[in-house]
Amino acid sequence: MNNRIRHEGIIDSIEEGCVHVRILQTSACAVCKVAGYCNAAEAKEKIVDVFETDASAMKVGDAVTVSTSGDVAARALLWAFGFPFLLMIAVLVFVLWRTGDEGLAALSGLLSLVPYYGLLFLLRHRMRRKMAFIIE
């Protein structure tokens, strides 16, 4: 079983130590033959930053394949959605248990996400090393 996530893309720009690759992220139905007649078809352009790669042989406009492991994708989902959900629910239950005020509990649960995502933002450079794309 191949546990890699791959996307075809085009090099958008090259900087010192970073290659910016433009990929077309499509939903499953976007590649369907009748997608043009259906409102459910969706495609989004994304820029993926590939760090620590040898860009000497690459130039803007080259077609490349970027990939990452399924473990990296799972870890990113956990940090982006799993942990914040658990934090929000824990704060909500705790404040509701201590005060009995549902409005305050809901507001506290939502506000608990502000420092969490702020911390993720501050640690983005450290996380970038562990959750990275490569050019194949």
N, C-alpha and C. Protein backbone atom coordinates (compact mmCIF):
# COMPACT_ATOMS: atom_id res chain seq x y z
N MET A 1 0.84 -1.18 0.00
CA MET A 1 0.00 0.00 0.00
C MET A 1 0.89 1.25 0.00
N ASN A 2 0.60 2.15 -0.92
CA ASN A 2 1.37 3.38 -1.03
C ASN A 2 0.74 4.43 -0.13
N ASN A 3 1.47 4.88 0.87
CA ASN A 3 0.94 5.80 1.87
C ASN A 3 1.42 7.23 1.62
N ARG A 4 1.42 7.67 0.36
CA ARG A 4 1.88 9.01 0.01
C ARG A 4 0.73 9.79 -0.62
N ILE A 5 0.72 11.07 -0.34
CA ILE A 5 -0.26 11.98 -0.94
C ILE A 5 0.50 12.79 -1.98
N ARG A 6 0.05 12.74 -3.24
CA ARG A 6 0.75 13.40 -4.33
C ARG A 6 -0.17 14.39 -5.04
N HIS A 7 0.43 15.48 -5.50
CA HIS A 7 -0.28 16.46 -6.32
C HIS A 7 0.65 16.92 -7.42
N GLU A 8 0.11 17.01 -8.62
CA GLU A 8 0.85 17.58 -9.74
C GLU A 8 0.74 19.09 -9.63
N GLY A 9 1.81 19.79 -9.96
CA GLY A 9 1.79 21.24 -9.89
C GLY A 9 2.81 21.88 -10.79
N ILE A 10 2.80 23.20 -10.79
CA ILE A 10 3.72 23.99 -11.60
C ILE A 10 4.45 24.95 -10.66
N ILE A 11 5.76 25.06 -10.85
CA ILE A 11 6.55 25.94 -10.00
C ILE A 11 6.13 27.38 -10.28
N ASP A 12 5.68 28.04 -9.22
CA ASP A 12 5.20 29.42 -9.32
C ASP A 12 6.33 30.42 -9.10
N SER A 13 7.20 30.14 -8.12
CA SER A 13 8.35 31.00 -7.87
C SER A 13 9.37 30.22 -7.04
N ILE A 14 10.60 30.72 -7.10
CA ILE A 14 11.70 30.09 -6.36
C ILE A 14 12.40 31.16 -5.55
N GLU A 15 12.55 30.90 -4.26
CA GLU A 15 13.27 31.79 -3.36
C GLU A 15 14.40 31.00 -2.71
N GLU A 16 15.21 31.67 -1.96
CA GLU A 16 16.30 31.02 -1.24
C GLU A 16 15.75 29.96 -0.28
N GLY A 17 15.98 28.69 -0.57
CA GLY A 17 15.55 27.62 0.31
C GLY A 17 14.08 27.25 0.23
N CYS A 18 13.33 27.83 -0.71
CA CYS A 18 11.89 27.55 -0.79
C CYS A 18 11.43 27.59 -2.24
N VAL A 19 10.68 26.57 -2.62
CA VAL A 19 10.07 26.53 -3.94
C VAL A 19 8.56 26.59 -3.74
N HIS A 20 7.91 27.55 -4.39
CA HIS A 20 6.45 27.69 -4.30
C HIS A 20 5.83 26.99 -5.50
N VAL A 21 5.02 25.98 -5.22
CA VAL A 21 4.40 25.18 -6.27
C VAL A 21 2.90 25.41 -6.25
N ARG A 22 2.34 25.76 -7.41
CA ARG A 22 0.90 25.97 -7.55
C ARG A 22 0.26 24.65 -7.95
N ILE A 23 -0.66 24.18 -7.10
CA ILE A 23 -1.37 22.92 -7.40
C ILE A 23 -2.85 23.22 -7.56
N LEU A 24 -3.52 22.37 -8.29
CA LEU A 24 -4.96 22.47 -8.45
C LEU A 24 -5.57 21.36 -7.61
N GLN A 25 -6.15 21.75 -6.47
CA GLN A 25 -6.76 20.78 -5.56
C GLN A 25 -8.19 20.58 -6.02
N THR A 26 -8.53 19.36 -6.38
CA THR A 26 -9.86 19.08 -6.90
C THR A 26 -10.62 18.16 -5.96
N SER A 27 -11.92 18.35 -5.91
CA SER A 27 -12.74 17.40 -5.16
C SER A 27 -12.93 16.18 -6.04
N ALA A 28 -13.44 15.13 -5.49
CA ALA A 28 -13.58 13.88 -6.23
C ALA A 28 -14.46 14.04 -7.46
N CYS A 29 -15.48 14.86 -7.38
CA CYS A 29 -16.39 14.99 -8.51
C CYS A 29 -15.88 15.98 -9.56
N ALA A 30 -14.83 16.72 -9.27
CA ALA A 30 -14.32 17.70 -10.23
C ALA A 30 -13.69 17.03 -11.43
N VAL A 31 -13.25 15.79 -11.29
CA VAL A 31 -12.64 15.08 -12.41
C VAL A 31 -13.66 14.25 -13.18
N CYS A 32 -14.90 14.33 -12.77
CA CYS A 32 -15.97 13.58 -13.44
C CYS A 32 -16.25 14.18 -14.82
N LYS A 33 -16.67 13.36 -15.77
CA LYS A 33 -16.93 13.83 -17.13
C LYS A 33 -18.10 14.80 -17.21
N VAL A 34 -19.04 14.71 -16.30
CA VAL A 34 -20.21 15.59 -16.33
C VAL A 34 -20.10 16.71 -15.30
N ALA A 35 -18.90 16.95 -14.79
CA ALA A 35 -18.72 17.96 -13.75
C ALA A 35 -19.10 19.36 -14.22
N GLY A 36 -18.96 19.63 -15.51
CA GLY A 36 -19.30 20.94 -16.03
C GLY A 36 -20.79 21.23 -15.96
N TYR A 37 -21.60 20.22 -15.84
CA TYR A 37 -23.06 20.39 -15.77
C TYR A 37 -23.59 20.28 -14.36
N CYS A 38 -22.70 20.09 -13.42
CA CYS A 38 -23.11 19.85 -12.03
C CYS A 38 -22.58 20.96 -11.15
N ASN A 39 -23.37 21.43 -10.21
CA ASN A 39 -22.94 22.49 -9.30
C ASN A 39 -22.05 21.97 -8.18
N ALA A 40 -21.95 20.67 -8.00
CA ALA A 40 -21.17 20.11 -6.90
C ALA A 40 -19.68 20.09 -7.21
N ALA A 41 -19.30 20.21 -8.50
CA ALA A 41 -17.88 20.14 -8.86
C ALA A 41 -17.15 21.36 -8.31
N GLU A 42 -15.96 21.11 -7.77
CA GLU A 42 -15.21 22.18 -7.12
C GLU A 42 -13.72 21.95 -7.32
N ALA A 43 -13.00 23.01 -7.63
CA ALA A 43 -11.55 22.94 -7.74
C ALA A 43 -10.97 24.23 -7.19
N LYS A 44 -9.87 24.10 -6.44
CA LYS A 44 -9.23 25.27 -5.83
C LYS A 44 -7.75 25.25 -6.15
N GLU A 45 -7.22 26.44 -6.43
CA GLU A 45 -5.78 26.57 -6.62
C GLU A 45 -5.12 26.84 -5.29
N LYS A 46 -4.03 26.15 -5.01
CA LYS A 46 -3.30 26.32 -3.75
C LYS A 46 -1.81 26.50 -4.07
N ILE A 47 -1.13 27.20 -3.19
CA ILE A 47 0.32 27.33 -3.28
C ILE A 47 0.92 26.49 -2.15
N VAL A 48 1.79 25.56 -2.51
CA VAL A 48 2.46 24.71 -1.54
C VAL A 48 3.92 25.14 -1.48
N ASP A 49 4.42 25.36 -0.28
CA ASP A 49 5.81 25.74 -0.08
C ASP A 49 6.63 24.49 0.21
N VAL A 50 7.66 24.27 -0.60
CA VAL A 50 8.55 23.13 -0.41
C VAL A 50 9.89 23.68 0.05
N PHE A 51 10.28 23.35 1.27
CA PHE A 51 11.51 23.85 1.86
C PHE A 51 12.60 22.81 1.77
N GLU A 52 13.82 23.27 1.93
CA GLU A 52 14.99 22.40 1.97
C GLU A 52 15.07 21.47 0.76
N THR A 53 14.99 22.07 -0.41
CA THR A 53 15.11 21.30 -1.64
C THR A 53 16.16 21.96 -2.53
N ASP A 54 16.78 21.17 -3.39
CA ASP A 54 17.78 21.71 -4.30
C ASP A 54 17.05 22.27 -5.52
N ALA A 55 16.97 23.57 -5.60
CA ALA A 55 16.22 24.22 -6.67
C ALA A 55 17.11 24.64 -7.83
N SER A 56 18.38 24.22 -7.84
CA SER A 56 19.29 24.67 -8.89
C SER A 56 18.89 24.17 -10.27
N ALA A 57 18.29 22.99 -10.37
CA ALA A 57 17.90 22.44 -11.67
C ALA A 57 16.46 22.81 -12.03
N MET A 58 15.77 23.55 -11.18
CA MET A 58 14.37 23.89 -11.42
C MET A 58 14.24 25.33 -11.89
N LYS A 59 13.16 25.57 -12.64
CA LYS A 59 12.88 26.94 -13.04
C LYS A 59 11.38 27.17 -12.99
N VAL A 60 10.99 28.42 -12.92
CA VAL A 60 9.57 28.79 -12.86
C VAL A 60 8.87 28.25 -14.10
N GLY A 61 7.73 27.61 -13.89
CA GLY A 61 6.95 27.04 -14.98
C GLY A 61 7.13 25.55 -15.17
N ASP A 62 8.13 24.96 -14.50
CA ASP A 62 8.34 23.51 -14.60
C ASP A 62 7.20 22.76 -13.94
N ALA A 63 6.80 21.66 -14.54
CA ALA A 63 5.80 20.78 -13.94
C ALA A 63 6.51 19.83 -12.98
N VAL A 64 6.00 19.74 -11.76
CA VAL A 64 6.60 18.88 -10.74
C VAL A 64 5.48 18.14 -10.00
N THR A 65 5.89 17.15 -9.24
CA THR A 65 4.98 16.43 -8.36
C THR A 65 5.44 16.66 -6.93
N VAL A 66 4.54 17.20 -6.10
CA VAL A 66 4.84 17.37 -4.68
C VAL A 66 4.14 16.25 -3.92
N SER A 67 4.78 15.80 -2.87
CA SER A 67 4.18 14.71 -2.10
C SER A 67 4.54 14.84 -0.63
N THR A 68 3.77 14.15 0.17
CA THR A 68 4.04 14.03 1.59
C THR A 68 3.45 12.69 2.04
N SER A 69 3.81 12.28 3.22
CA SER A 69 3.32 10.99 3.71
C SER A 69 1.93 11.15 4.31
N GLY A 70 1.21 10.07 4.38
CA GLY A 70 -0.10 10.08 5.02
C GLY A 70 -0.01 10.40 6.50
N ASP A 71 1.12 10.05 7.12
CA ASP A 71 1.32 10.37 8.54
C ASP A 71 1.39 11.87 8.76
N VAL A 72 2.04 12.58 7.86
CA VAL A 72 2.13 14.04 7.97
C VAL A 72 0.75 14.65 7.83
N ALA A 73 -0.04 14.15 6.89
CA ALA A 73 -1.40 14.67 6.71
C ALA A 73 -2.25 14.41 7.95
N ALA A 74 -2.12 13.23 8.52
CA ALA A 74 -2.89 12.91 9.73
C ALA A 74 -2.46 13.78 10.90
N ARG A 75 -1.15 14.01 11.03
CA ARG A 75 -0.64 14.86 12.10
C ARG A 75 -1.13 16.30 11.93
N ALA A 76 -1.13 16.79 10.71
CA ALA A 76 -1.61 18.15 10.45
C ALA A 76 -3.09 18.28 10.78
N LEU A 77 -3.89 17.28 10.42
CA LEU A 77 -5.31 17.31 10.76
C LEU A 77 -5.53 17.27 12.27
N LEU A 78 -4.73 16.49 12.95
CA LEU A 78 -4.84 16.41 14.40
C LEU A 78 -4.54 17.75 15.06
N TRP A 79 -3.45 18.41 14.63
CA TRP A 79 -3.08 19.71 15.21
C TRP A 79 -4.05 20.81 14.81
N ALA A 80 -4.60 20.74 13.60
CA ALA A 80 -5.48 21.81 13.13
C ALA A 80 -6.91 21.67 13.62
N PHE A 81 -7.39 20.43 13.80
CA PHE A 81 -8.80 20.23 14.14
C PHE A 81 -9.04 19.36 15.37
N GLY A 82 -8.25 18.31 15.55
CA GLY A 82 -8.48 17.37 16.65
C GLY A 82 -8.22 17.96 18.02
N PHE A 83 -7.00 18.46 18.25
CA PHE A 83 -6.66 19.06 19.54
C PHE A 83 -7.51 20.28 19.88
N PRO A 84 -7.75 21.19 18.92
CA PRO A 84 -8.61 22.34 19.26
C PRO A 84 -10.02 21.93 19.64
N PHE A 85 -10.55 20.91 18.98
CA PHE A 85 -11.89 20.43 19.32
C PHE A 85 -11.92 19.91 20.75
N LEU A 86 -10.93 19.09 21.10
CA LEU A 86 -10.88 18.55 22.46
C LEU A 86 -10.70 19.65 23.50
N LEU A 87 -9.85 20.65 23.20
CA LEU A 87 -9.65 21.78 24.09
C LEU A 87 -10.94 22.55 24.29
N MET A 88 -11.63 22.84 23.19
CA MET A 88 -12.87 23.60 23.27
C MET A 88 -13.93 22.86 24.09
N ILE A 89 -14.08 21.57 23.87
CA ILE A 89 -15.06 20.78 24.61
C ILE A 89 -14.69 20.71 26.09
N ALA A 90 -13.40 20.52 26.39
CA ALA A 90 -12.96 20.45 27.79
C ALA A 90 -13.23 21.76 28.51
N VAL A 91 -12.91 22.88 27.87
CA VAL A 91 -13.16 24.19 28.50
C VAL A 91 -14.66 24.41 28.66
N LEU A 92 -15.42 24.07 27.65
CA LEU A 92 -16.88 24.23 27.71
C LEU A 92 -17.47 23.44 28.88
N VAL A 93 -17.10 22.18 29.01
CA VAL A 93 -17.62 21.34 30.09
C VAL A 93 -17.16 21.85 31.45
N PHE A 94 -15.90 22.23 31.56
CA PHE A 94 -15.38 22.72 32.84
C PHE A 94 -16.09 23.99 33.29
N VAL A 95 -16.23 24.96 32.40
CA VAL A 95 -16.88 26.23 32.77
C VAL A 95 -18.35 26.01 33.06
N LEU A 96 -18.99 25.14 32.29
CA LEU A 96 -20.40 24.83 32.56
C LEU A 96 -20.56 24.16 33.92
N TRP A 97 -19.66 23.26 34.26
CA TRP A 97 -19.70 22.57 35.55
C TRP A 97 -19.46 23.54 36.70
N ARG A 98 -18.50 24.48 36.52
CA ARG A 98 -18.16 25.41 37.59
C ARG A 98 -19.19 26.53 37.76
N THR A 99 -19.77 27.02 36.66
CA THR A 99 -20.64 28.20 36.76
C THR A 99 -22.10 27.89 36.50
N GLY A 100 -22.39 26.89 35.69
CA GLY A 100 -23.77 26.60 35.30
C GLY A 100 -24.31 27.55 34.24
N ASP A 101 -23.50 28.47 33.76
CA ASP A 101 -23.92 29.45 32.76
C ASP A 101 -23.52 28.95 31.37
N GLU A 102 -24.52 28.58 30.56
CA GLU A 102 -24.26 28.02 29.24
C GLU A 102 -23.63 29.03 28.29
N GLY A 103 -24.07 30.27 28.36
CA GLY A 103 -23.50 31.31 27.49
C GLY A 103 -22.03 31.55 27.77
N LEU A 104 -21.70 31.65 29.05
CA LEU A 104 -20.30 31.84 29.44
C LEU A 104 -19.46 30.62 29.04
N ALA A 105 -20.02 29.43 29.19
CA ALA A 105 -19.30 28.21 28.83
C ALA A 105 -19.02 28.18 27.33
N ALA A 106 -20.03 28.54 26.52
CA ALA A 106 -19.84 28.55 25.07
C ALA A 106 -18.80 29.59 24.67
N LEU A 107 -18.89 30.78 25.24
CA LEU A 107 -17.94 31.83 24.92
C LEU A 107 -16.52 31.45 25.37
N SER A 108 -16.41 30.86 26.52
CA SER A 108 -15.09 30.42 27.01
C SER A 108 -14.49 29.35 26.11
N GLY A 109 -15.34 28.41 25.68
CA GLY A 109 -14.86 27.36 24.77
C GLY A 109 -14.32 27.94 23.47
N LEU A 110 -15.06 28.90 22.91
CA LEU A 110 -14.60 29.53 21.68
C LEU A 110 -13.34 30.36 21.90
N LEU A 111 -13.30 31.10 22.99
CA LEU A 111 -12.14 31.95 23.26
C LEU A 111 -10.89 31.14 23.59
N SER A 112 -11.07 29.90 24.03
CA SER A 112 -9.90 29.06 24.33
C SER A 112 -9.12 28.74 23.06
N LEU A 113 -9.75 28.89 21.90
CA LEU A 113 -9.07 28.60 20.64
C LEU A 113 -8.10 29.70 20.24
N VAL A 114 -8.32 30.92 20.72
CA VAL A 114 -7.45 32.05 20.35
C VAL A 114 -6.01 31.80 20.79
N PRO A 115 -5.74 31.49 22.07
CA PRO A 115 -4.34 31.23 22.43
C PRO A 115 -3.79 29.95 21.78
N TYR A 116 -4.64 28.96 21.54
CA TYR A 116 -4.18 27.72 20.91
C TYR A 116 -3.65 28.00 19.50
N TYR A 117 -4.46 28.67 18.69
CA TYR A 117 -4.02 28.96 17.32
C TYR A 117 -2.90 30.00 17.31
N GLY A 118 -2.86 30.89 18.30
CA GLY A 118 -1.73 31.81 18.42
C GLY A 118 -0.44 31.06 18.68
N LEU A 119 -0.50 30.05 19.54
CA LEU A 119 0.67 29.23 19.82
C LEU A 119 1.11 28.45 18.57
N LEU A 120 0.14 27.91 17.83
CA LEU A 120 0.49 27.23 16.58
C LEU A 120 1.18 28.17 15.62
N PHE A 121 0.69 29.41 15.55
CA PHE A 121 1.31 30.40 14.68
C PHE A 121 2.75 30.68 15.10
N LEU A 122 3.00 30.79 16.40
CA LEU A 122 4.35 31.05 16.87
C LEU A 122 5.28 29.85 16.63
N LEU A 123 4.74 28.66 16.62
CA LEU A 123 5.55 27.45 16.44
C LEU A 123 5.56 26.95 14.99
N ARG A 124 5.08 27.76 14.06
CA ARG A 124 4.95 27.32 12.67
C ARG A 124 6.28 26.93 12.03
N HIS A 125 7.37 27.60 12.39
CA HIS A 125 8.67 27.27 11.79
C HIS A 125 9.18 25.92 12.30
N ARG A 126 8.92 25.62 13.55
CA ARG A 126 9.32 24.32 14.10
C ARG A 126 8.47 23.20 13.49
N MET A 127 7.18 23.47 13.33
CA MET A 127 6.29 22.45 12.77
C MET A 127 6.56 22.22 11.29
N ARG A 128 7.05 23.26 10.61
CA ARG A 128 7.33 23.15 9.18
C ARG A 128 8.36 22.08 8.89
N ARG A 129 9.32 21.91 9.80
CA ARG A 129 10.36 20.90 9.60
C ARG A 129 9.80 19.48 9.70
N LYS A 130 8.78 19.31 10.55
CA LYS A 130 8.22 17.98 10.77
C LYS A 130 7.11 17.64 9.78
N MET A 131 6.45 18.66 9.26
CA MET A 131 5.33 18.44 8.34
C MET A 131 5.63 19.15 7.01
N ALA A 132 6.39 18.48 6.17
CA ALA A 132 6.87 19.12 4.95
C ALA A 132 6.51 18.32 3.70
N PHE A 133 6.41 19.06 2.61
CA PHE A 133 6.26 18.45 1.28
C PHE A 133 7.64 18.27 0.67
N ILE A 134 7.73 17.33 -0.26
CA ILE A 134 8.96 17.15 -1.04
C ILE A 134 8.60 17.17 -2.52
N ILE A 135 9.57 17.49 -3.34
CA ILE A 135 9.39 17.42 -4.80
C ILE A 135 9.99 16.12 -5.28
N GLU A 136 9.19 15.34 -5.97
CA GLU A 136 9.66 14.04 -6.47
C GLU A 136 10.34 14.20 -7.81
